[in-house]
Every structure is written in C-alpha cells, then in structure tokens.
C-alpha cells in the first residue's frame, strides 16, 4: 500500500486533537435540559409512551376477557358432558333393571315353549 501523503506523527496528533475538539464543541453546543425544544420532544415521547401503555392495557384486558370466556365455555362443555354421562348411565341402569325384571318371564316362556314342543313331539309318536 502506498500513501499519497506522508503523515508524520505530529500531523496525526494534530488531526486527533482537532477531532477531539470538534466532538467537544458539538457536545457543548447541544441544548440543555431546560431548552424548550428538548422539553417539547420529551413531552411528546412521554405522551407516546403513555398511549402505548394504554393500548397494552386494553390489549391485556381483551386477552383476559377472552381467556375468561374460553374458560366459561370449557366449564359449560364439561358440565354438559357430565350431565350426558349421568343420563347415559341412568338409562343403562334402567335398561339393565328392565332386563332383570323380564328375565324370569323369559325363562318361564322358554320352559313353556320347551314343554309344548315336547308335548307335540309326544303326540306325533315320540322318539323313534
């Protein structure tokens, strides 16, 4: 690499000093905390932050209401399932009880049918 200008140590130190001085001047020329423009920008930022906080609070309230609604729907669904299960169990028990009551009658009908069949068989001539 070749440099077109030959910068010596003193040139580099002088350039560094000038750059530092420029930064210091820039810092000093900056308006203070009591500057009306600074106060105006600060008030705008504060208003924006407050509006953002209000929007976030509103979103959170909506989220919470949605969660509560979903929880209520889930509770209703579970209650409906529980009631349906109880009704199904009650129906099953009623059917089982009806079958238990009908069982002796069915046994007597089967015995009577068997006796009739034996009587017809005996009337035909019995066993061969």
Protein backbone atom coordinates (compact mmCIF):
# COMPACT_ATOMS: atom_id res chain seq x y z
CA UNK A 1 0.00 0.00 0.00
CA UNK A 2 1.29 3.35 -0.86
CA UNK A 3 0.02 6.55 0.66
CA UNK A 4 -0.05 9.70 -1.37
CA UNK A 5 0.57 11.90 1.61
CA UNK A 6 3.27 11.35 4.13
CA UNK A 7 1.67 11.89 7.51
CA UNK A 8 4.08 12.20 10.30
CA UNK A 9 3.46 11.72 13.97
CA UNK A 10 2.83 15.39 14.57
CA UNK A 11 0.26 15.50 11.72
CA UNK A 12 -1.59 12.56 13.17
CA UNK A 13 -1.53 14.03 16.68
CA UNK A 14 -2.81 17.34 15.37
CA UNK A 15 -5.66 15.63 13.43
CA UNK A 16 -6.58 13.65 16.53
CA UNK A 17 -6.62 16.81 18.63
CA UNK A 18 -8.84 18.57 16.08
CA UNK A 19 -11.28 15.66 16.04
CA UNK A 20 -11.47 15.65 19.83
CA UNK A 21 -12.01 19.41 19.87
CA UNK A 22 -14.82 19.09 17.29
CA UNK A 23 -16.56 16.45 19.41
CA UNK A 24 -16.21 18.64 22.48
CA UNK A 25 -17.68 21.64 20.65
CA UNK A 26 -20.54 19.50 19.37
CA UNK A 27 -21.27 18.34 22.91
CA UNK A 28 -21.11 21.88 24.33
CA UNK A 29 -23.39 23.29 21.61
CA UNK A 30 -26.08 20.74 22.43
CA UNK A 31 -29.13 22.33 24.09
CA UNK A 32 -29.54 21.79 27.82
CA UNK A 33 -32.31 20.15 29.81
CA UNK A 34 -34.21 23.43 30.12
CA UNK A 35 -34.32 24.02 26.35
CA UNK A 36 -37.95 24.41 25.13
CA UNK A 37 -37.36 22.18 22.09
CA UNK A 38 -35.90 19.48 24.33
CA UNK A 39 -38.85 19.76 26.73
CA UNK A 40 -41.27 19.56 23.80
CA UNK A 41 -39.64 16.38 22.43
CA UNK A 42 -39.57 14.90 25.93
CA UNK A 43 -43.30 15.63 26.40
CA UNK A 44 -44.07 14.03 23.01
CA UNK A 45 -42.11 10.92 23.95
CA UNK A 46 -43.88 10.75 27.30
CA UNK A 47 -47.29 11.05 25.56
CA UNK A 48 -46.34 8.31 23.10
CA UNK A 49 -45.22 6.05 25.96
CA UNK A 50 -48.45 6.67 27.87
CA UNK A 51 -50.55 5.93 24.77
CA UNK A 52 -48.56 2.74 24.22
CA UNK A 53 -49.13 1.72 27.85
CA UNK A 54 -52.88 2.36 27.47
CA UNK A 55 -53.00 0.26 24.29
CA UNK A 56 -51.14 -2.56 26.00
CA UNK A 57 -53.51 -2.39 28.99
CA UNK A 58 -56.50 -2.53 26.63
CA UNK A 59 -55.00 -5.50 24.77
CA UNK A 60 -54.33 -7.26 28.06
CA UNK A 61 -57.92 -6.64 29.19
CA UNK A 62 -59.20 -8.09 25.90
CA UNK A 63 -56.88 -11.10 26.28
CA UNK A 64 -58.06 -11.65 29.85
CA UNK A 65 -61.73 -11.38 28.84
CA UNK A 66 -61.15 -13.89 26.02
CA UNK A 67 -59.46 -16.30 28.41
CA UNK A 68 -62.33 -15.97 30.87
CA UNK A 69 -64.84 -16.56 28.07
CA UNK A 70 -62.98 -19.66 26.92
CA UNK A 71 -62.76 -20.93 30.50
CA UNK A 72 -66.51 -20.40 30.94
CA UNK A 73 -67.23 -22.23 27.67
CA UNK A 74 -64.98 -25.09 28.76
CA UNK A 75 -66.77 -25.29 32.12
CA UNK A 76 -70.16 -25.37 30.37
CA UNK A 77 -68.92 -28.06 27.97
CA UNK A 78 -67.58 -30.19 30.81
CA UNK A 79 -70.82 -29.79 32.76
CA UNK A 80 -72.83 -30.82 29.66
CA UNK A 81 -70.58 -33.86 29.20
CA UNK A 82 -71.01 -34.78 32.86
CA UNK A 83 -74.80 -34.48 32.61
CA UNK A 84 -74.85 -36.51 29.39
CA UNK A 85 -72.71 -39.21 31.03
CA UNK A 86 -75.02 -39.30 34.05
CA UNK A 87 -78.08 -39.58 31.80
CA UNK A 88 -76.43 -42.37 29.79
CA UNK A 89 -75.55 -44.22 33.00
CA UNK A 90 -79.11 -43.78 34.31
CA UNK A 91 -80.54 -45.08 31.03
CA UNK A 92 -78.17 -48.05 31.10
CA UNK A 93 -79.20 -48.85 34.66
CA UNK A 94 -82.91 -48.60 33.76
CA UNK A 95 -82.41 -50.93 30.78
CA UNK A 96 -80.47 -53.35 32.94
CA UNK A 97 -83.24 -53.29 35.56
CA UNK A 98 -85.91 -53.86 32.88
CA UNK A 99 -83.93 -56.84 31.53
CA UNK A 100 -83.55 -58.21 35.04
CA UNK A 101 -87.32 -57.97 35.56
CA UNK A 102 -88.03 -59.54 32.15
CA UNK A 103 -85.53 -62.36 32.65
CA UNK A 104 -87.74 -64.61 34.87
CA UNK A 105 -90.69 -64.12 32.48
CA UNK A 106 -88.46 -65.08 29.57
CA UNK A 107 -87.25 -68.20 31.40
CA UNK A 108 -90.86 -69.23 32.04
CA UNK A 109 -91.72 -68.63 28.36
CA UNK A 110 -88.75 -70.74 27.29
CA UNK A 111 -89.81 -73.54 29.67
CA UNK A 112 -93.38 -73.36 28.38
CA UNK A 113 -92.19 -73.42 24.75
CA UNK A 114 -89.97 -76.40 25.51
CA UNK A 115 -92.85 -78.22 27.19
CA UNK A 116 -95.14 -77.53 24.22
CA UNK A 117 -92.52 -78.81 21.82
CA UNK A 118 -92.10 -81.99 23.87
CA UNK A 119 -95.87 -82.44 24.01
CA UNK A 120 -96.19 -82.09 20.21
CA UNK A 121 -93.32 -84.49 19.75
CA UNK A 122 -95.00 -86.96 22.09
CA UNK A 123 -98.27 -86.55 20.21
CA UNK A 124 -96.57 -87.38 16.91
CA UNK A 125 -95.32 -90.59 18.26
CA UNK A 126 -92.48 -89.80 20.48
CA UNK A 127 -88.97 -90.88 19.88
CA UNK A 128 -88.10 -93.11 17.01
